[in-house]
Amino acid sequence: MITDEQVARINELARKSRTPEGLTEAEKAEQAALRRAYVDAVKASLQGQLDHTTIVEPDGTRHKLPRKD
């Protein structure tokens, strides 16, 4: 899970990258790591949501959404 502070830092680095001074190499590495963590958190959230999704057929029967790996 990604915290509000990490999201704020991602946004701060994004704003700084658009300035004339840009980002240092260390900041670029930090930005890449934070972005990867954010994307991984979004994917995990989506996977969790899909794992709990059920299909309701017209006859009223329910079955879990099949997992595609």
PDB file of N, CA and C in Angstrom:
ATOM      1  N   MET A   1       0.846  -1.179   0.000  1.00  0.00           N
ATOM      2  CA  MET A   1       0.000   0.000   0.000  1.00  0.00           C
ATOM      3  C   MET A   1       0.891   1.242   0.000  1.00  0.00           C
ATOM      4  N   ILE A   2       0.470   2.228  -0.695  1.00  0.00           N
ATOM      5  CA  ILE A   2       1.245   3.460  -0.798  1.00  0.00           C
ATOM      6  C   ILE A   2       0.595   4.525   0.089  1.00  0.00           C
ATOM      7  N   THR A   3       1.410   5.277   0.776  1.00  0.00           N
ATOM      8  CA  THR A   3       0.898   6.262   1.733  1.00  0.00           C
ATOM      9  C   THR A   3       0.655   7.609   1.053  1.00  0.00           C
ATOM     10  N   ASP A   4      -0.066   8.466   1.748  1.00  0.00           N
ATOM     11  CA  ASP A   4      -0.316   9.815   1.241  1.00  0.00           C
ATOM     12  C   ASP A   4       0.988  10.597   1.096  1.00  0.00           C
ATOM     13  N   GLU A   5       1.932  10.340   2.006  1.00  0.00           N
ATOM     14  CA  GLU A   5       3.226  11.030   1.936  1.00  0.00           C
ATOM     15  C   GLU A   5       3.987  10.619   0.675  1.00  0.00           C
ATOM     16  N   GLN A   6       3.887   9.343   0.302  1.00  0.00           N
ATOM     17  CA  GLN A   6       4.565   8.883  -0.907  1.00  0.00           C
ATOM     18  C   GLN A   6       3.920   9.496  -2.149  1.00  0.00           C
ATOM     19  N   VAL A   7       2.616   9.600  -2.165  1.00  0.00           N
ATOM     20  CA  VAL A   7       1.922  10.229  -3.299  1.00  0.00           C
ATOM     21  C   VAL A   7       2.321  11.705  -3.384  1.00  0.00           C
ATOM     22  N   ALA A   8       2.383  12.368  -2.243  1.00  0.00           N
ATOM     23  CA  ALA A   8       2.797  13.772  -2.222  1.00  0.00           C
ATOM     24  C   ALA A   8       4.223  13.916  -2.757  1.00  0.00           C
ATOM     25  N   ARG A   9       5.088  12.982  -2.405  1.00  0.00           N
ATOM     26  CA  ARG A   9       6.476  13.040  -2.887  1.00  0.00           C
ATOM     27  C   ARG A   9       6.531  12.787  -4.396  1.00  0.00           C
ATOM     28  N   ILE A  10       5.723  11.881  -4.905  1.00  0.00           N
ATOM     29  CA  ILE A  10       5.648  11.649  -6.351  1.00  0.00           C
ATOM     30  C   ILE A  10       5.249  12.939  -7.056  1.00  0.00           C
ATOM     31  N   ASN A  11       4.229  13.604  -6.527  1.00  0.00           N
ATOM     32  CA  ASN A  11       3.757  14.853  -7.131  1.00  0.00           C
ATOM     33  C   ASN A  11       4.814  15.957  -7.032  1.00  0.00           C
ATOM     34  N   GLU A  12       5.503  16.013  -5.912  1.00  0.00           N
ATOM     35  CA  GLU A  12       6.553  17.012  -5.728  1.00  0.00           C
ATOM     36  C   GLU A  12       7.681  16.805  -6.746  1.00  0.00           C
ATOM     37  N   LEU A  13       8.088  15.562  -6.928  1.00  0.00           N
ATOM     38  CA  LEU A  13       9.150  15.263  -7.896  1.00  0.00           C
ATOM     39  C   LEU A  13       8.678  15.539  -9.327  1.00  0.00           C
ATOM     40  N   ALA A  14       7.423  15.268  -9.616  1.00  0.00           N
ATOM     41  CA  ALA A  14       6.889  15.547 -10.957  1.00  0.00           C
ATOM     42  C   ALA A  14       6.898  17.045 -11.243  1.00  0.00           C
ATOM     43  N   ARG A  15       6.503  17.843 -10.241  1.00  0.00           N
ATOM     44  CA  ARG A  15       6.536  19.302 -10.424  1.00  0.00           C
ATOM     45  C   ARG A  15       7.966  19.792 -10.625  1.00  0.00           C
ATOM     46  N   LYS A  16       8.888  19.259  -9.830  1.00  0.00           N
ATOM     47  CA  LYS A  16      10.278  19.691  -9.930  1.00  0.00           C
ATOM     48  C   LYS A  16      10.892  19.285 -11.271  1.00  0.00           C
ATOM     49  N   SER A  17      10.469  18.151 -11.811  1.00  0.00           N
ATOM     50  CA  SER A  17      11.033  17.694 -13.087  1.00  0.00           C
ATOM     51  C   SER A  17      10.662  18.623 -14.244  1.00  0.00           C
ATOM     52  N   ARG A  18       9.573  19.372 -14.078  1.00  0.00           N
ATOM     53  CA  ARG A  18       9.144  20.299 -15.133  1.00  0.00           C
ATOM     54  C   ARG A  18       9.783  21.677 -15.004  1.00  0.00           C
ATOM     55  N   THR A  19      10.591  21.891 -13.981  1.00  0.00           N
ATOM     56  CA  THR A  19      11.274  23.169 -13.815  1.00  0.00           C
ATOM     57  C   THR A  19      12.577  23.142 -14.599  1.00  0.00           C
ATOM     58  N   PRO A  20      13.164  24.311 -14.846  1.00  0.00           N
ATOM     59  CA  PRO A  20      14.430  24.348 -15.596  1.00  0.00           C
ATOM     60  C   PRO A  20      15.569  23.583 -14.912  1.00  0.00           C
ATOM     61  N   GLU A  21      15.583  23.532 -13.587  1.00  0.00           N
ATOM     62  CA  GLU A  21      16.658  22.821 -12.897  1.00  0.00           C
ATOM     63  C   GLU A  21      16.528  21.312 -13.010  1.00  0.00           C
ATOM     64  N   GLY A  22      15.309  20.799 -13.157  1.00  0.00           N
ATOM     65  CA  GLY A  22      15.088  19.363 -13.323  1.00  0.00           C
ATOM     66  C   GLY A  22      15.394  18.571 -12.064  1.00  0.00           C
ATOM     67  N   LEU A  23      15.604  17.264 -12.253  1.00  0.00           N
ATOM     68  CA  LEU A  23      15.865  16.361 -11.143  1.00  0.00           C
ATOM     69  C   LEU A  23      17.313  15.883 -11.172  1.00  0.00           C
ATOM     70  N   THR A  24      17.851  15.628  -9.991  1.00  0.00           N
ATOM     71  CA  THR A  24      19.179  15.017  -9.908  1.00  0.00           C
ATOM     72  C   THR A  24      19.027  13.523 -10.206  1.00  0.00           C
ATOM     73  N   GLU A  25      20.127  12.845 -10.390  1.00  0.00           N
ATOM     74  CA  GLU A  25      20.077  11.403 -10.665  1.00  0.00           C
ATOM     75  C   GLU A  25      19.455  10.646  -9.494  1.00  0.00           C
ATOM     76  N   ALA A  26      19.767  11.058  -8.270  1.00  0.00           N
ATOM     77  CA  ALA A  26      19.192  10.406  -7.093  1.00  0.00           C
ATOM     78  C   ALA A  26      17.678  10.614  -7.057  1.00  0.00           C
ATOM     79  N   GLU A  27      17.227  11.811  -7.404  1.00  0.00           N
ATOM     80  CA  GLU A  27      15.788  12.096  -7.414  1.00  0.00           C
ATOM     81  C   GLU A  27      15.084  11.315  -8.520  1.00  0.00           C
ATOM     82  N   LYS A  28      15.757  11.158  -9.672  1.00  0.00           N
ATOM     83  CA  LYS A  28      15.175  10.359 -10.755  1.00  0.00           C
ATOM     84  C   LYS A  28      15.000   8.914 -10.330  1.00  0.00           C
ATOM     85  N   ALA A  29      15.986   8.382  -9.613  1.00  0.00           N
ATOM     86  CA  ALA A  29      15.895   7.007  -9.127  1.00  0.00           C
ATOM     87  C   ALA A  29      14.780   6.885  -8.093  1.00  0.00           C
ATOM     88  N   GLU A  30      14.665   7.864  -7.206  1.00  0.00           N
ATOM     89  CA  GLU A  30      13.602   7.866  -6.203  1.00  0.00           C
ATOM     90  C   GLU A  30      12.237   7.938  -6.884  1.00  0.00           C
ATOM     91  N   GLN A  31      12.132   8.786  -7.895  1.00  0.00           N
ATOM     92  CA  GLN A  31      10.876   8.946  -8.622  1.00  0.00           C
ATOM     93  C   GLN A  31      10.476   7.630  -9.295  1.00  0.00           C
ATOM     94  N   ALA A  32      11.443   6.964  -9.915  1.00  0.00           N
ATOM     95  CA  ALA A  32      11.159   5.693 -10.587  1.00  0.00           C
ATOM     96  C   ALA A  32      10.696   4.642  -9.581  1.00  0.00           C
ATOM     97  N   ALA A  33      11.343   4.581  -8.420  1.00  0.00           N
ATOM     98  CA  ALA A  33      10.973   3.609  -7.398  1.00  0.00           C
ATOM     99  C   ALA A  33       9.574   3.904  -6.850  1.00  0.00           C
ATOM    100  N   LEU A  34       9.280   5.173  -6.614  1.00  0.00           N
ATOM    101  CA  LEU A  34       7.967   5.547  -6.099  1.00  0.00           C
ATOM    102  C   LEU A  34       6.872   5.262  -7.127  1.00  0.00           C
ATOM    103  N   ARG A  35       7.154   5.546  -8.379  1.00  0.00           N
ATOM    104  CA  ARG A  35       6.169   5.268  -9.432  1.00  0.00           C
ATOM    105  C   ARG A  35       5.909   3.771  -9.540  1.00  0.00           C
ATOM    106  N   ARG A  36       6.967   2.961  -9.457  1.00  0.00           N
ATOM    107  CA  ARG A  36       6.815   1.507  -9.529  1.00  0.00           C
ATOM    108  C   ARG A  36       5.962   1.024  -8.358  1.00  0.00           C
ATOM    109  N   ALA A  37       6.206   1.549  -7.169  1.00  0.00           N
ATOM    110  CA  ALA A  37       5.424   1.162  -5.988  1.00  0.00           C
ATOM    111  C   ALA A  37       3.959   1.547  -6.176  1.00  0.00           C
ATOM    112  N   TYR A  38       3.715   2.721  -6.764  1.00  0.00           N
ATOM    113  CA  TYR A  38       2.349   3.185  -6.996  1.00  0.00           C
ATOM    114  C   TYR A  38       1.637   2.272  -7.994  1.00  0.00           C
ATOM    115  N   VAL A  39       2.294   1.955  -9.090  1.00  0.00           N
ATOM    116  CA  VAL A  39       1.696   1.085 -10.107  1.00  0.00           C
ATOM    117  C   VAL A  39       1.419  -0.298  -9.522  1.00  0.00           C
ATOM    118  N   ASP A  40       2.360  -0.823  -8.747  1.00  0.00           N
ATOM    119  CA  ASP A  40       2.158  -2.129  -8.114  1.00  0.00           C
ATOM    120  C   ASP A  40       0.968  -2.102  -7.158  1.00  0.00           C
ATOM    121  N   ALA A  41       0.791  -1.017  -6.420  1.00  0.00           N
ATOM    122  CA  ALA A  41      -0.333  -0.889  -5.490  1.00  0.00           C
ATOM    123  C   ALA A  41      -1.661  -0.834  -6.246  1.00  0.00           C
ATOM    124  N   VAL A  42      -1.685  -0.123  -7.354  1.00  0.00           N
ATOM    125  CA  VAL A  42      -2.915  -0.031  -8.159  1.00  0.00           C
ATOM    126  C   VAL A  42      -3.253  -1.405  -8.733  1.00  0.00           C
ATOM    127  N   LYS A  43      -2.234  -2.114  -9.232  1.00  0.00           N
ATOM    128  CA  LYS A  43      -2.477  -3.453  -9.782  1.00  0.00           C
ATOM    129  C   LYS A  43      -2.992  -4.408  -8.714  1.00  0.00           C
ATOM    130  N   ALA A  44      -2.413  -4.344  -7.522  1.00  0.00           N
ATOM    131  CA  ALA A  44      -2.842  -5.218  -6.434  1.00  0.00           C
ATOM    132  C   ALA A  44      -4.281  -4.904  -6.030  1.00  0.00           C
ATOM    133  N   SER A  45      -4.619  -3.634  -5.994  1.00  0.00           N
ATOM    134  CA  SER A  45      -5.980  -3.234  -5.659  1.00  0.00           C
ATOM    135  C   SER A  45      -6.974  -3.752  -6.694  1.00  0.00           C
ATOM    136  N   LEU A  46      -6.634  -3.612  -7.960  1.00  0.00           N
ATOM    137  CA  LEU A  46      -7.501  -4.086  -9.031  1.00  0.00           C
ATOM    138  C   LEU A  46      -7.638  -5.600  -8.978  1.00  0.00           C
ATOM    139  N   GLN A  47      -6.527  -6.300  -8.732  1.00  0.00           N
ATOM    140  CA  GLN A  47      -6.583  -7.756  -8.650  1.00  0.00           C
ATOM    141  C   GLN A  47      -7.470  -8.202  -7.496  1.00  0.00           C
ATOM    142  N   GLY A  48      -7.371  -7.517  -6.365  1.00  0.00           N
ATOM    143  CA  GLY A  48      -8.221  -7.840  -5.227  1.00  0.00           C
ATOM    144  C   GLY A  48      -9.692  -7.626  -5.538  1.00  0.00           C
ATOM    145  N   GLN A  49      -9.980  -6.569  -6.268  1.00  0.00           N
ATOM    146  CA  GLN A  49     -11.365  -6.291  -6.650  1.00  0.00           C
ATOM    147  C   GLN A  49     -11.886  -7.364  -7.605  1.00  0.00           C
ATOM    148  N   LEU A  50     -11.050  -7.750  -8.569  1.00  0.00           N
ATOM    149  CA  LEU A  50     -11.469  -8.772  -9.527  1.00  0.00           C
ATOM    150  C   LEU A  50     -11.618 -10.137  -8.865  1.00  0.00           C
ATOM    151  N   ASP A  51     -10.799 -10.421  -7.857  1.00  0.00           N
ATOM    152  CA  ASP A  51     -10.892 -11.699  -7.150  1.00  0.00           C
ATOM    153  C   ASP A  51     -12.228 -11.844  -6.432  1.00  0.00           C
ATOM    154  N   HIS A  52     -12.869 -10.738  -6.097  1.00  0.00           N
ATOM    155  CA  HIS A  52     -14.139 -10.783  -5.376  1.00  0.00           C
ATOM    156  C   HIS A  52     -15.334 -10.449  -6.270  1.00  0.00           C
ATOM    157  N   THR A  53     -15.128 -10.516  -7.572  1.00  0.00           N
ATOM    158  CA  THR A  53     -16.197 -10.222  -8.522  1.00  0.00           C
ATOM    159  C   THR A  53     -16.920 -11.513  -8.897  1.00  0.00           C
ATOM    160  N   THR A  54     -18.237 -11.459  -8.911  1.00  0.00           N
ATOM    161  CA  THR A  54     -19.028 -12.617  -9.328  1.00  0.00           C
ATOM    162  C   THR A  54     -19.869 -12.242 -10.542  1.00  0.00           C
ATOM    163  N   ILE A  55     -20.107 -13.249 -11.354  1.00  0.00           N
ATOM    164  CA  ILE A  55     -20.955 -13.101 -12.535  1.00  0.00           C
ATOM    165  C   ILE A  55     -22.348 -13.617 -12.165  1.00  0.00           C
ATOM    166  N   VAL A  56     -23.366 -12.819 -12.436  1.00  0.00           N
ATOM    167  CA  VAL A  56     -24.741 -13.239 -12.200  1.00  0.00           C
ATOM    168  C   VAL A  56     -25.360 -13.538 -13.563  1.00  0.00           C
ATOM    169  N   GLU A  57     -25.692 -14.782 -13.756  1.00  0.00           N
ATOM    170  CA  GLU A  57     -26.286 -15.222 -15.020  1.00  0.00           C
ATOM    171  C   GLU A  57     -27.760 -14.817 -15.072  1.00  0.00           C
ATOM    172  N   PRO A  58     -28.344 -14.801 -16.270  1.00  0.00           N
ATOM    173  CA  PRO A  58     -29.763 -14.425 -16.390  1.00  0.00           C
ATOM    174  C   PRO A  58     -30.701 -15.303 -15.557  1.00  0.00           C
ATOM    175  N   ASP A  59     -30.307 -16.569 -15.308  1.00  0.00           N
ATOM    176  CA  ASP A  59     -31.162 -17.442 -14.498  1.00  0.00           C
ATOM    177  C   ASP A  59     -30.943 -17.244 -13.004  1.00  0.00           C
ATOM    178  N   GLY A  60     -30.074 -16.333 -12.615  1.00  0.00           N
ATOM    179  CA  GLY A  60     -29.852 -16.017 -11.215  1.00  0.00           C
ATOM    180  C   GLY A  60     -28.677 -16.726 -10.573  1.00  0.00           C
ATOM    181  N   THR A  61     -28.082 -17.674 -11.285  1.00  0.00           N
ATOM    182  CA  THR A  61     -26.925 -18.368 -10.705  1.00  0.00           C
ATOM    183  C   THR A  61     -25.724 -17.426 -10.689  1.00  0.00           C
ATOM    184  N   ARG A  62     -24.855 -17.663  -9.715  1.00  0.00           N
ATOM    185  CA  ARG A  62     -23.658 -16.834  -9.558  1.00  0.00           C
ATOM    186  C   ARG A  62     -22.428 -17.719  -9.622  1.00  0.00           C
ATOM    187  N   HIS A  63     -21.389 -17.181 -10.223  1.00  0.00           N
ATOM    188  CA  HIS A  63     -20.100 -17.854 -10.186  1.00  0.00           C
ATOM    189  C   HIS A  63     -19.003 -16.811 -10.215  1.00  0.00           C
ATOM    190  N   LYS A  64     -17.853 -17.206  -9.647  1.00  0.00           N
ATOM    191  CA  LYS A  64     -16.730 -16.269  -9.571  1.00  0.00           C
ATOM    192  C   LYS A  64     -16.191 -15.981 -10.964  1.00  0.00           C
ATOM    193  N   LEU A  65     -15.656 -14.806 -11.111  1.00  0.00           N
ATOM    194  CA  LEU A  65     -14.980 -14.424 -12.343  1.00  0.00           C
ATOM    195  C   LEU A  65     -13.737 -15.289 -12.481  1.00  0.00           C
ATOM    196  N   PRO A  66     -13.568 -15.989 -13.600  1.00  0.00           N
ATOM    197  CA  PRO A  66     -12.388 -16.850 -13.746  1.00  0.00           C
ATOM    198  C   PRO A  66     -11.111 -16.001 -13.818  1.00  0.00           C
ATOM    199  N   ARG A  67     -10.056 -16.519 -13.194  1.00  0.00           N
ATOM    200  CA  ARG A  67      -8.782 -15.807 -13.160  1.00  0.00           C
ATOM    201  C   ARG A  67      -7.957 -16.154 -14.387  1.00  0.00           C
ATOM    202  N   LYS A  68      -7.437 -15.133 -15.033  1.00  0.00           N
ATOM    203  CA  LYS A  68      -6.565 -15.333 -16.198  1.00  0.00           C
ATOM    204  C   LYS A  68      -5.177 -14.865 -15.811  1.00  0.00           C
ATOM    205  N   ASP A  69      -4.239 -15.795 -15.787  1.00  0.00           N
ATOM    206  CA  ASP A  69      -2.864 -15.440 -15.401  1.00  0.00           C
ATOM    207  C   ASP A  69      -2.000 -15.168 -16.590  1.00  0.00           C
TER     208      ASP A  69
END
